[in-house]
Amino acid sequence: MRLLNKRMNYKDIQQSQLTDSWLKKQGVNVAHIYAGTAELFQATKLATTTLRQHGQLLAQNQADMLNSFLAATRNFKKRSKITQGQCYRVMNIAKQAQRLNAKLSKATQ
C-alpha cells in the first residue's frame, strides 16, 4: 500500500511538472492560475503565441497593445483590472494576425 502511494505521488508530481511547463510555454504564470477568467487566460495565451509566431505581421500599435496587455497580466493589481473588452481586443488582434498569415502563406503557394 505504501509503495502504491509513493508511485501515485510521483506520478502526480510528474504530471504537475508537465502541466506547469506547458502553461509556461503558453505564457501563463502558474502562480496566477486561479486569479482570472477563462477569457484572460485565452487572451494571454494568444498574445504570447501571436508575438512569438506572427510578430513581424503586426502593426506597431498592435504589438504595443499585446506587450502592454502581457505586462499587465504579470502585475497582480493591474491583472485584476483587466476587463473582458481588453481580452477580446487582444483576441481580435491575434485573429487578424492569423488570418494575415494564412493569406500570405496561401499567396506564396
N, C-alpha and C. Protein backbone atom coordinates (compact mmCIF):
# COMPACT_ATOMS: atom_id res chain seq x y z
N MET A 1 0.82 -1.19 0.00
CA MET A 1 0.00 0.00 0.00
C MET A 1 0.87 1.26 0.00
N ARG A 2 1.92 1.24 0.79
CA ARG A 2 2.82 2.39 0.84
C ARG A 2 3.50 2.62 -0.50
N LEU A 3 3.91 1.55 -1.13
CA LEU A 3 4.57 1.66 -2.42
C LEU A 3 3.61 2.24 -3.46
N LEU A 4 2.37 1.83 -3.40
CA LEU A 4 1.36 2.36 -4.31
C LEU A 4 1.18 3.87 -4.10
N ASN A 5 1.14 4.31 -2.85
CA ASN A 5 1.01 5.74 -2.56
C ASN A 5 2.21 6.53 -3.06
N LYS A 6 3.40 5.97 -2.87
CA LYS A 6 4.61 6.66 -3.36
C LYS A 6 4.57 6.80 -4.88
N ARG A 7 4.17 5.74 -5.55
CA ARG A 7 4.11 5.75 -7.01
C ARG A 7 3.08 6.77 -7.49
N MET A 8 1.93 6.82 -6.82
CA MET A 8 0.88 7.78 -7.20
C MET A 8 1.36 9.21 -6.97
N ASN A 9 2.03 9.46 -5.86
CA ASN A 9 2.56 10.79 -5.58
C ASN A 9 3.59 11.19 -6.63
N TYR A 10 4.44 10.25 -7.01
CA TYR A 10 5.44 10.53 -8.04
C TYR A 10 4.77 10.88 -9.36
N LYS A 11 3.74 10.14 -9.73
CA LYS A 11 3.03 10.43 -10.98
C LYS A 11 2.33 11.79 -10.91
N ASP A 12 1.75 12.12 -9.76
CA ASP A 12 1.12 13.44 -9.59
C ASP A 12 2.13 14.56 -9.76
N ILE A 13 3.29 14.40 -9.14
CA ILE A 13 4.34 15.41 -9.26
C ILE A 13 4.81 15.53 -10.70
N GLN A 14 4.98 14.40 -11.35
CA GLN A 14 5.42 14.39 -12.74
C GLN A 14 4.41 15.08 -13.64
N GLN A 15 3.14 14.79 -13.45
CA GLN A 15 2.10 15.42 -14.26
C GLN A 15 1.98 16.90 -13.97
N SER A 16 2.17 17.30 -12.72
CA SER A 16 2.14 18.72 -12.36
C SER A 16 3.28 19.47 -13.04
N GLN A 17 4.44 18.85 -13.09
CA GLN A 17 5.58 19.48 -13.75
C GLN A 17 5.33 19.63 -15.25
N LEU A 18 4.74 18.62 -15.87
CA LEU A 18 4.40 18.71 -17.28
C LEU A 18 3.39 19.83 -17.54
N THR A 19 2.38 19.91 -16.69
CA THR A 19 1.37 20.96 -16.82
C THR A 19 1.98 22.34 -16.63
N ASP A 20 2.83 22.48 -15.63
CA ASP A 20 3.47 23.76 -15.37
C ASP A 20 4.35 24.20 -16.55
N SER A 21 5.08 23.28 -17.13
CA SER A 21 5.93 23.64 -18.27
C SER A 21 5.09 24.02 -19.49
N TRP A 22 3.98 23.31 -19.71
CA TRP A 22 3.10 23.67 -20.83
C TRP A 22 2.51 25.06 -20.63
N LEU A 23 2.04 25.35 -19.41
CA LEU A 23 1.48 26.68 -19.13
C LEU A 23 2.52 27.76 -19.33
N LYS A 24 3.74 27.49 -18.91
CA LYS A 24 4.81 28.48 -19.08
C LYS A 24 5.08 28.75 -20.56
N LYS A 25 5.06 27.69 -21.36
CA LYS A 25 5.26 27.86 -22.81
C LYS A 25 4.13 28.67 -23.44
N GLN A 26 2.94 28.58 -22.87
CA GLN A 26 1.79 29.32 -23.39
C GLN A 26 1.74 30.74 -22.85
N GLY A 27 2.65 31.10 -21.96
CA GLY A 27 2.70 32.44 -21.43
C GLY A 27 1.84 32.68 -20.21
N VAL A 28 1.39 31.62 -19.57
CA VAL A 28 0.54 31.74 -18.39
C VAL A 28 1.38 31.43 -17.16
N ASN A 29 1.39 32.34 -16.20
CA ASN A 29 2.13 32.14 -14.96
C ASN A 29 1.35 31.19 -14.07
N VAL A 30 2.02 30.17 -13.59
CA VAL A 30 1.36 29.15 -12.77
C VAL A 30 0.85 29.76 -11.47
N ALA A 31 1.53 30.75 -10.94
CA ALA A 31 1.11 31.37 -9.68
C ALA A 31 -0.21 32.12 -9.84
N HIS A 32 -0.55 32.53 -11.06
CA HIS A 32 -1.77 33.30 -11.31
C HIS A 32 -2.91 32.45 -11.86
N ILE A 33 -2.78 31.16 -11.78
CA ILE A 33 -3.73 30.27 -12.44
C ILE A 33 -5.15 30.40 -11.88
N TYR A 34 -5.28 30.73 -10.60
CA TYR A 34 -6.61 30.81 -10.02
C TYR A 34 -7.15 32.24 -9.96
N ALA A 35 -6.37 33.21 -10.41
CA ALA A 35 -6.81 34.60 -10.37
C ALA A 35 -7.07 35.08 -11.79
N GLY A 36 -8.29 34.86 -12.27
CA GLY A 36 -8.62 35.32 -13.61
C GLY A 36 -9.72 34.51 -14.23
N THR A 37 -10.20 35.03 -15.35
CA THR A 37 -11.28 34.37 -16.07
C THR A 37 -10.71 33.54 -17.21
N ALA A 38 -11.56 32.77 -17.83
CA ALA A 38 -11.14 31.97 -18.98
C ALA A 38 -10.69 32.86 -20.13
N GLU A 39 -11.39 33.99 -20.31
CA GLU A 39 -11.01 34.91 -21.38
C GLU A 39 -9.62 35.49 -21.15
N LEU A 40 -9.29 35.75 -19.89
CA LEU A 40 -7.98 36.29 -19.56
C LEU A 40 -6.88 35.31 -19.92
N PHE A 41 -7.07 34.04 -19.58
CA PHE A 41 -6.07 33.03 -19.92
C PHE A 41 -5.98 32.82 -21.42
N GLN A 42 -7.10 32.81 -22.09
CA GLN A 42 -7.10 32.64 -23.54
C GLN A 42 -6.39 33.81 -24.21
N ALA A 43 -6.68 35.02 -23.76
CA ALA A 43 -6.04 36.20 -24.34
C ALA A 43 -4.55 36.21 -24.05
N THR A 44 -4.16 35.79 -22.87
CA THR A 44 -2.74 35.73 -22.53
C THR A 44 -2.01 34.75 -23.42
N LYS A 45 -2.61 33.58 -23.61
CA LYS A 45 -2.01 32.56 -24.47
C LYS A 45 -1.91 33.06 -25.91
N LEU A 46 -2.99 33.66 -26.41
CA LEU A 46 -2.98 34.15 -27.79
C LEU A 46 -2.00 35.30 -27.98
N ALA A 47 -1.90 36.18 -27.00
CA ALA A 47 -0.96 37.30 -27.11
C ALA A 47 0.47 36.79 -27.16
N THR A 48 0.77 35.82 -26.33
CA THR A 48 2.13 35.26 -26.30
C THR A 48 2.47 34.57 -27.61
N THR A 49 1.59 33.70 -28.09
CA THR A 49 1.88 32.98 -29.32
C THR A 49 1.88 33.90 -30.54
N THR A 50 1.02 34.91 -30.54
CA THR A 50 0.99 35.84 -31.67
C THR A 50 2.28 36.62 -31.75
N LEU A 51 2.76 37.11 -30.62
CA LEU A 51 4.02 37.85 -30.65
C LEU A 51 5.19 36.96 -31.04
N ARG A 52 5.17 35.71 -30.62
CA ARG A 52 6.27 34.79 -30.96
C ARG A 52 6.22 34.38 -32.43
N GLN A 53 5.04 34.02 -32.93
CA GLN A 53 4.94 33.43 -34.26
C GLN A 53 4.65 34.44 -35.36
N HIS A 54 3.88 35.48 -35.06
CA HIS A 54 3.44 36.41 -36.10
C HIS A 54 3.78 37.86 -35.77
N GLY A 55 4.78 38.06 -34.94
CA GLY A 55 5.13 39.41 -34.51
C GLY A 55 5.49 40.34 -35.66
N GLN A 56 6.09 39.80 -36.70
CA GLN A 56 6.50 40.62 -37.84
C GLN A 56 5.31 41.08 -38.68
N LEU A 57 4.17 40.43 -38.54
CA LEU A 57 2.98 40.80 -39.31
C LEU A 57 2.14 41.89 -38.64
N LEU A 58 2.45 42.17 -37.37
CA LEU A 58 1.65 43.13 -36.62
C LEU A 58 2.08 44.57 -36.90
N ALA A 59 1.12 45.48 -36.85
CA ALA A 59 1.43 46.89 -36.89
C ALA A 59 2.02 47.28 -35.53
N GLN A 60 2.70 48.42 -35.49
CA GLN A 60 3.36 48.83 -34.25
C GLN A 60 2.37 48.99 -33.10
N ASN A 61 1.21 49.60 -33.37
CA ASN A 61 0.23 49.79 -32.30
C ASN A 61 -0.35 48.46 -31.80
N GLN A 62 -0.48 47.49 -32.70
CA GLN A 62 -0.97 46.17 -32.28
C GLN A 62 0.05 45.46 -31.40
N ALA A 63 1.32 45.52 -31.79
CA ALA A 63 2.37 44.91 -30.98
C ALA A 63 2.47 45.58 -29.62
N ASP A 64 2.34 46.91 -29.60
CA ASP A 64 2.36 47.63 -28.32
C ASP A 64 1.20 47.22 -27.43
N MET A 65 0.03 47.05 -28.03
CA MET A 65 -1.16 46.64 -27.27
C MET A 65 -0.95 45.27 -26.64
N LEU A 66 -0.41 44.32 -27.42
CA LEU A 66 -0.18 42.97 -26.90
C LEU A 66 0.88 42.98 -25.80
N ASN A 67 1.95 43.75 -26.01
CA ASN A 67 3.00 43.83 -25.00
C ASN A 67 2.51 44.47 -23.71
N SER A 68 1.72 45.53 -23.83
CA SER A 68 1.20 46.16 -22.62
C SER A 68 0.19 45.25 -21.91
N PHE A 69 -0.58 44.48 -22.67
CA PHE A 69 -1.51 43.52 -22.07
C PHE A 69 -0.74 42.46 -21.29
N LEU A 70 0.32 41.92 -21.89
CA LEU A 70 1.11 40.91 -21.21
C LEU A 70 1.79 41.48 -19.96
N ALA A 71 2.23 42.73 -20.04
CA ALA A 71 2.83 43.36 -18.86
C ALA A 71 1.80 43.52 -17.76
N ALA A 72 0.57 43.85 -18.13
CA ALA A 72 -0.49 43.99 -17.14
C ALA A 72 -0.85 42.65 -16.50
N THR A 73 -0.75 41.57 -17.26
CA THR A 73 -1.08 40.26 -16.69
C THR A 73 -0.04 39.81 -15.67
N ARG A 74 1.17 40.35 -15.75
CA ARG A 74 2.22 39.95 -14.80
C ARG A 74 2.12 40.70 -13.48
N ASN A 75 1.38 41.80 -13.44
CA ASN A 75 1.24 42.61 -12.23
C ASN A 75 -0.12 42.30 -11.61
N PHE A 76 -0.14 41.91 -10.33
CA PHE A 76 -1.39 41.47 -9.71
C PHE A 76 -2.45 42.57 -9.68
N LYS A 77 -2.06 43.79 -9.33
CA LYS A 77 -3.04 44.89 -9.26
C LYS A 77 -3.60 45.21 -10.64
N LYS A 78 -2.73 45.28 -11.63
CA LYS A 78 -3.20 45.57 -12.99
C LYS A 78 -3.99 44.39 -13.56
N ARG A 79 -3.59 43.19 -13.20
CA ARG A 79 -4.28 41.99 -13.69
C ARG A 79 -5.73 41.97 -13.26
N SER A 80 -6.00 42.38 -12.04
CA SER A 80 -7.38 42.36 -11.55
C SER A 80 -8.24 43.44 -12.21
N LYS A 81 -7.62 44.42 -12.85
CA LYS A 81 -8.37 45.49 -13.51
C LYS A 81 -8.57 45.26 -15.01
N ILE A 82 -8.05 44.17 -15.53
CA ILE A 82 -8.21 43.87 -16.95
C ILE A 82 -9.67 43.49 -17.21
N THR A 83 -10.26 44.14 -18.18
CA THR A 83 -11.67 43.89 -18.49
C THR A 83 -11.80 42.85 -19.59
N GLN A 84 -13.03 42.35 -19.75
CA GLN A 84 -13.29 41.41 -20.84
C GLN A 84 -13.09 42.08 -22.19
N GLY A 85 -13.43 43.35 -22.27
CA GLY A 85 -13.24 44.09 -23.51
C GLY A 85 -11.79 44.12 -23.94
N GLN A 86 -10.88 44.30 -23.00
CA GLN A 86 -9.46 44.27 -23.33
C GLN A 86 -9.04 42.88 -23.80
N CYS A 87 -9.56 41.86 -23.15
CA CYS A 87 -9.25 40.48 -23.57
C CYS A 87 -9.73 40.23 -24.99
N TYR A 88 -10.95 40.70 -25.31
CA TYR A 88 -11.48 40.49 -26.66
C TYR A 88 -10.70 41.28 -27.70
N ARG A 89 -10.21 42.47 -27.33
CA ARG A 89 -9.37 43.23 -28.27
C ARG A 89 -8.09 42.47 -28.59
N VAL A 90 -7.49 41.88 -27.57
CA VAL A 90 -6.27 41.09 -27.77
C VAL A 90 -6.56 39.88 -28.65
N MET A 91 -7.69 39.21 -28.39
CA MET A 91 -8.05 38.04 -29.21
C MET A 91 -8.32 38.43 -30.66
N ASN A 92 -8.91 39.62 -30.88
CA ASN A 92 -9.16 40.09 -32.24
C ASN A 92 -7.86 40.38 -32.97
N ILE A 93 -6.90 40.98 -32.28
CA ILE A 93 -5.60 41.25 -32.89
C ILE A 93 -4.93 39.93 -33.28
N ALA A 94 -5.00 38.95 -32.40
CA ALA A 94 -4.42 37.64 -32.67
C ALA A 94 -5.09 36.99 -33.88
N LYS A 95 -6.40 37.09 -33.95
CA LYS A 95 -7.13 36.51 -35.08
C LYS A 95 -6.76 37.20 -36.40
N GLN A 96 -6.60 38.53 -36.36
CA GLN A 96 -6.19 39.27 -37.55
C GLN A 96 -4.82 38.81 -38.02
N ALA A 97 -3.90 38.61 -37.09
CA ALA A 97 -2.56 38.15 -37.45
C ALA A 97 -2.60 36.74 -38.04
N GLN A 98 -3.45 35.88 -37.48
CA GLN A 98 -3.58 34.52 -38.00
C GLN A 98 -4.16 34.54 -39.42
N ARG A 99 -5.16 35.39 -39.65
CA ARG A 99 -5.75 35.49 -40.99
C ARG A 99 -4.75 36.01 -42.00
N LEU A 100 -3.99 37.03 -41.60
CA LEU A 100 -2.98 37.60 -42.50
C LEU A 100 -1.91 36.57 -42.81
N ASN A 101 -1.50 35.79 -41.82
CA ASN A 101 -0.51 34.75 -42.05
C ASN A 101 -1.05 33.70 -43.01
N ALA A 102 -2.30 33.30 -42.84
CA ALA A 102 -2.91 32.32 -43.74
C ALA A 102 -3.01 32.86 -45.15
N LYS A 103 -3.37 34.13 -45.25
CA LYS A 103 -3.49 34.77 -46.56
C LYS A 103 -2.14 34.83 -47.27
N LEU A 104 -1.10 35.19 -46.52
CA LEU A 104 0.24 35.28 -47.11
C LEU A 104 0.77 33.90 -47.49
N SER A 105 0.53 32.91 -46.64
CA SER A 105 1.02 31.56 -46.96
C SER A 105 0.26 30.96 -48.15
N LYS A 106 -1.00 31.30 -48.29
CA LYS A 106 -1.79 30.84 -49.44
C LYS A 106 -1.32 31.51 -50.72
N ALA A 107 -0.93 32.77 -50.63
CA ALA A 107 -0.46 33.50 -51.80
C ALA A 107 0.89 33.00 -52.28
N THR A 108 1.72 32.50 -51.39
CA THR A 108 3.05 32.01 -51.78
C THR A 108 3.02 30.60 -52.34
N GLN A 109 1.91 29.91 -52.19
CA GLN A 109 1.83 28.53 -52.69
C GLN A 109 1.54 28.48 -54.16
